[in-house]
C-alpha cells in the first residue's frame, strides 16, 4: 500500500512528533530503570513509577526537547564542516 502526500507529515509536524516521542521514550526508560535500581521491584511499583516519576519527567523532558536540543544542534552545526 502506497502512502500519499495527504497522509504524510510536514517537516514541522515531523519535528514535533519526533520530539514528543523521543521525550516519552527517554523519560519512560530512564525513570523506570533508575527507580528500579533505587527501590527494587515491589508492590505498587508501576503506580509509583508512572505517577511520581514518569509524569514528572515528561514535564521536564518535552520542553527540554523543544528548547535545549535545537540550541545544541545549532551549536554543533556551527562547528561542523559541510
N, C-alpha and C. Protein backbone atom coordinates (compact mmCIF):
# COMPACT_ATOMS: atom_id res chain seq x y z
N UNK A 1 0.84 -1.18 0.00
CA UNK A 1 0.00 0.00 0.00
C UNK A 1 0.89 1.24 0.00
N UNK A 2 0.65 2.12 -0.92
CA UNK A 2 1.45 3.33 -1.04
C UNK A 2 0.82 4.46 -0.23
N UNK A 3 1.68 5.16 0.52
CA UNK A 3 1.21 6.31 1.30
C UNK A 3 1.31 7.55 0.42
N UNK A 4 0.23 8.29 0.35
CA UNK A 4 0.23 9.51 -0.45
C UNK A 4 0.64 10.69 0.41
N UNK A 5 0.91 11.81 -0.23
CA UNK A 5 1.30 13.02 0.50
C UNK A 5 0.23 13.49 1.47
N UNK A 6 -1.03 13.14 1.22
CA UNK A 6 -2.10 13.57 2.10
C UNK A 6 -1.94 12.99 3.50
N UNK A 7 -1.26 11.85 3.62
CA UNK A 7 -1.11 11.19 4.91
C UNK A 7 0.25 11.42 5.53
N UNK A 8 1.14 12.07 4.86
CA UNK A 8 2.48 12.32 5.39
C UNK A 8 2.51 13.60 6.21
N UNK A 9 3.45 13.65 7.14
CA UNK A 9 3.61 14.82 7.98
C UNK A 9 4.46 15.87 7.28
N UNK A 10 4.17 17.12 7.59
CA UNK A 10 5.03 18.19 7.11
C UNK A 10 6.32 18.16 7.92
N UNK A 11 7.31 18.92 7.51
CA UNK A 11 8.59 18.97 8.22
C UNK A 11 8.38 19.42 9.67
N UNK A 12 7.59 20.45 9.88
CA UNK A 12 7.32 20.95 11.23
C UNK A 12 6.58 19.91 12.06
N UNK A 13 5.57 19.27 11.48
CA UNK A 13 4.83 18.24 12.19
C UNK A 13 5.74 17.08 12.58
N UNK A 14 6.63 16.70 11.68
CA UNK A 14 7.53 15.58 11.98
C UNK A 14 8.49 15.93 13.11
N UNK A 15 8.95 17.16 13.18
CA UNK A 15 9.83 17.60 14.27
C UNK A 15 9.07 17.54 15.59
N UNK A 16 7.83 18.00 15.60
CA UNK A 16 7.02 17.99 16.81
C UNK A 16 6.76 16.56 17.29
N UNK A 17 6.32 15.71 16.37
CA UNK A 17 6.03 14.31 16.72
C UNK A 17 7.30 13.60 17.19
N UNK A 18 8.40 13.79 16.48
CA UNK A 18 9.67 13.17 16.85
C UNK A 18 10.11 13.60 18.25
N UNK A 19 10.06 14.89 18.53
CA UNK A 19 10.49 15.41 19.82
C UNK A 19 9.64 14.84 20.96
N UNK A 20 8.34 14.80 20.76
CA UNK A 20 7.45 14.27 21.80
C UNK A 20 7.69 12.78 22.01
N UNK A 21 7.79 12.01 20.93
CA UNK A 21 8.00 10.56 21.07
C UNK A 21 9.34 10.23 21.71
N UNK A 22 10.39 10.95 21.34
CA UNK A 22 11.70 10.72 21.96
C UNK A 22 11.65 11.10 23.43
N UNK A 23 10.98 12.18 23.77
CA UNK A 23 10.85 12.60 25.17
C UNK A 23 10.11 11.54 25.98
N UNK A 24 9.02 11.01 25.43
CA UNK A 24 8.25 9.98 26.13
C UNK A 24 9.10 8.72 26.32
N UNK A 25 9.77 8.29 25.26
CA UNK A 25 10.58 7.07 25.34
C UNK A 25 11.73 7.23 26.33
N UNK A 26 12.47 8.30 26.23
CA UNK A 26 13.61 8.51 27.12
C UNK A 26 13.16 8.67 28.57
N UNK A 27 12.11 9.42 28.80
CA UNK A 27 11.61 9.60 30.17
C UNK A 27 11.16 8.28 30.75
N UNK A 28 10.43 7.52 29.97
CA UNK A 28 9.93 6.23 30.45
C UNK A 28 11.04 5.26 30.78
N UNK A 29 11.95 5.08 29.86
CA UNK A 29 13.03 4.11 30.04
C UNK A 29 13.96 4.52 31.18
N UNK A 30 14.37 5.77 31.19
CA UNK A 30 15.32 6.22 32.20
C UNK A 30 14.71 6.26 33.60
N UNK A 31 13.50 6.78 33.73
CA UNK A 31 12.89 6.84 35.06
C UNK A 31 12.58 5.44 35.58
N UNK A 32 12.15 4.54 34.70
CA UNK A 32 11.87 3.16 35.11
C UNK A 32 13.15 2.49 35.61
N UNK A 33 14.21 2.60 34.83
CA UNK A 33 15.47 1.97 35.21
C UNK A 33 16.06 2.53 36.49
N UNK A 34 16.05 3.84 36.62
CA UNK A 34 16.62 4.45 37.82
C UNK A 34 15.80 4.11 39.07
N UNK A 35 14.48 4.15 38.96
CA UNK A 35 13.65 3.82 40.11
C UNK A 35 13.80 2.35 40.48
N UNK A 36 13.89 1.49 39.48
CA UNK A 36 14.06 0.06 39.75
C UNK A 36 15.37 -0.21 40.49
N UNK A 37 16.43 0.49 40.11
CA UNK A 37 17.70 0.29 40.81
C UNK A 37 17.69 0.91 42.21
N UNK A 38 16.91 1.95 42.40
CA UNK A 38 16.86 2.61 43.72
C UNK A 38 16.02 1.85 44.73
N UNK A 39 14.80 1.45 44.34
CA UNK A 39 13.89 0.85 45.32
C UNK A 39 13.62 -0.62 45.06
N UNK A 40 14.00 -1.13 43.90
CA UNK A 40 13.73 -2.52 43.57
C UNK A 40 12.26 -2.74 43.25
N UNK A 41 11.98 -3.93 42.75
CA UNK A 41 10.60 -4.26 42.39
C UNK A 41 9.81 -4.52 43.66
N UNK A 42 8.67 -3.88 43.80
CA UNK A 42 7.83 -4.04 44.98
C UNK A 42 6.38 -3.84 44.59
N UNK A 43 5.45 -4.21 45.47
CA UNK A 43 4.04 -3.99 45.14
C UNK A 43 3.78 -2.49 44.89
N UNK A 44 3.05 -2.20 43.84
CA UNK A 44 2.74 -0.81 43.51
C UNK A 44 3.83 -0.09 42.74
N UNK A 45 4.86 -0.82 42.31
CA UNK A 45 5.99 -0.19 41.62
C UNK A 45 5.53 0.59 40.39
N UNK A 46 4.68 -0.01 39.57
CA UNK A 46 4.23 0.66 38.33
C UNK A 46 3.51 1.96 38.65
N UNK A 47 2.66 1.95 39.65
CA UNK A 47 1.95 3.17 40.04
C UNK A 47 2.88 4.25 40.54
N UNK A 48 3.84 3.85 41.37
CA UNK A 48 4.83 4.81 41.88
C UNK A 48 5.62 5.39 40.72
N UNK A 49 6.11 4.51 39.85
CA UNK A 49 6.90 4.96 38.70
C UNK A 49 6.10 5.91 37.82
N UNK A 50 4.88 5.51 37.45
CA UNK A 50 4.12 6.30 36.49
C UNK A 50 3.73 7.66 37.04
N UNK A 51 3.17 7.68 38.24
CA UNK A 51 2.62 8.94 38.76
C UNK A 51 3.66 9.84 39.44
N UNK A 52 4.66 9.26 40.07
CA UNK A 52 5.61 10.08 40.81
C UNK A 52 6.92 10.35 40.06
N UNK A 53 7.18 9.60 38.99
CA UNK A 53 8.44 9.77 38.27
C UNK A 53 8.22 10.07 36.78
N UNK A 54 7.53 9.17 36.09
CA UNK A 54 7.38 9.31 34.64
C UNK A 54 6.65 10.60 34.26
N UNK A 55 5.51 10.88 34.87
CA UNK A 55 4.75 12.09 34.52
C UNK A 55 5.53 13.35 34.88
N UNK A 56 6.26 13.32 35.98
CA UNK A 56 7.08 14.48 36.37
C UNK A 56 8.19 14.70 35.36
N UNK A 57 8.84 13.60 34.95
CA UNK A 57 9.92 13.72 33.97
C UNK A 57 9.41 14.24 32.63
N UNK A 58 8.21 13.86 32.24
CA UNK A 58 7.66 14.36 30.97
C UNK A 58 7.55 15.88 30.97
N UNK A 59 7.14 16.44 32.11
CA UNK A 59 7.02 17.90 32.20
C UNK A 59 8.36 18.58 32.03
N UNK A 60 9.43 17.86 32.29
CA UNK A 60 10.77 18.41 32.10
C UNK A 60 11.34 18.08 30.73
N UNK A 61 11.12 16.86 30.25
CA UNK A 61 11.77 16.42 29.02
C UNK A 61 11.17 17.01 27.75
N UNK A 62 9.87 17.21 27.72
CA UNK A 62 9.27 17.75 26.49
C UNK A 62 9.72 19.20 26.24
N UNK A 63 9.64 20.10 27.22
CA UNK A 63 10.18 21.45 26.96
C UNK A 63 11.68 21.43 26.66
N UNK A 64 12.42 20.55 27.33
CA UNK A 64 13.84 20.43 27.04
C UNK A 64 14.07 20.03 25.59
N UNK A 65 13.27 19.10 25.11
CA UNK A 65 13.39 18.66 23.73
C UNK A 65 13.15 19.77 22.73
N UNK A 66 12.24 20.67 23.05
CA UNK A 66 11.93 21.76 22.13
C UNK A 66 12.85 22.97 22.29
N UNK A 67 13.51 23.11 23.43
CA UNK A 67 14.36 24.30 23.66
C UNK A 67 15.84 23.96 23.62
N UNK A 68 16.27 23.01 24.43
CA UNK A 68 17.69 22.73 24.56
C UNK A 68 18.25 21.99 23.35
N UNK A 69 17.52 20.99 22.86
CA UNK A 69 18.03 20.20 21.73
C UNK A 69 18.30 21.06 20.50
N UNK A 70 17.39 21.96 20.08
CA UNK A 70 17.72 22.81 18.93
C UNK A 70 18.92 23.73 19.17
N UNK A 71 19.09 24.20 20.41
CA UNK A 71 20.25 25.04 20.72
C UNK A 71 21.54 24.25 20.60
N UNK A 72 21.53 23.01 21.10
CA UNK A 72 22.71 22.16 20.97
C UNK A 72 22.99 21.85 19.52
N UNK A 73 21.95 21.54 18.75
CA UNK A 73 22.12 21.25 17.32
C UNK A 73 22.71 22.45 16.59
N UNK A 74 22.22 23.64 16.90
CA UNK A 74 22.74 24.85 16.26
C UNK A 74 24.22 25.06 16.61
N UNK A 75 24.57 24.81 17.86
CA UNK A 75 25.97 24.97 18.28
C UNK A 75 26.87 23.96 17.57
N UNK A 76 26.43 22.72 17.48
CA UNK A 76 27.22 21.69 16.80
C UNK A 76 27.32 21.99 15.31
N UNK A 77 26.21 22.43 14.70
CA UNK A 77 26.23 22.77 13.29
C UNK A 77 27.21 23.91 13.00
N UNK A 78 27.37 24.82 13.95
CA UNK A 78 28.27 25.96 13.74
C UNK A 78 29.74 25.56 13.72
N UNK A 79 30.07 24.39 14.27
CA UNK A 79 31.45 23.93 14.26
C UNK A 79 31.65 22.69 13.40
N UNK A 80 30.66 22.40 12.56
CA UNK A 80 30.74 21.22 11.68
C UNK A 80 31.07 21.66 10.26
N UNK A 81 31.97 20.95 9.64
CA UNK A 81 32.35 21.22 8.27
C UNK A 81 31.26 20.66 7.35
N UNK A 82 30.89 21.43 6.34
CA UNK A 82 29.87 20.96 5.40
C UNK A 82 30.47 20.11 4.32
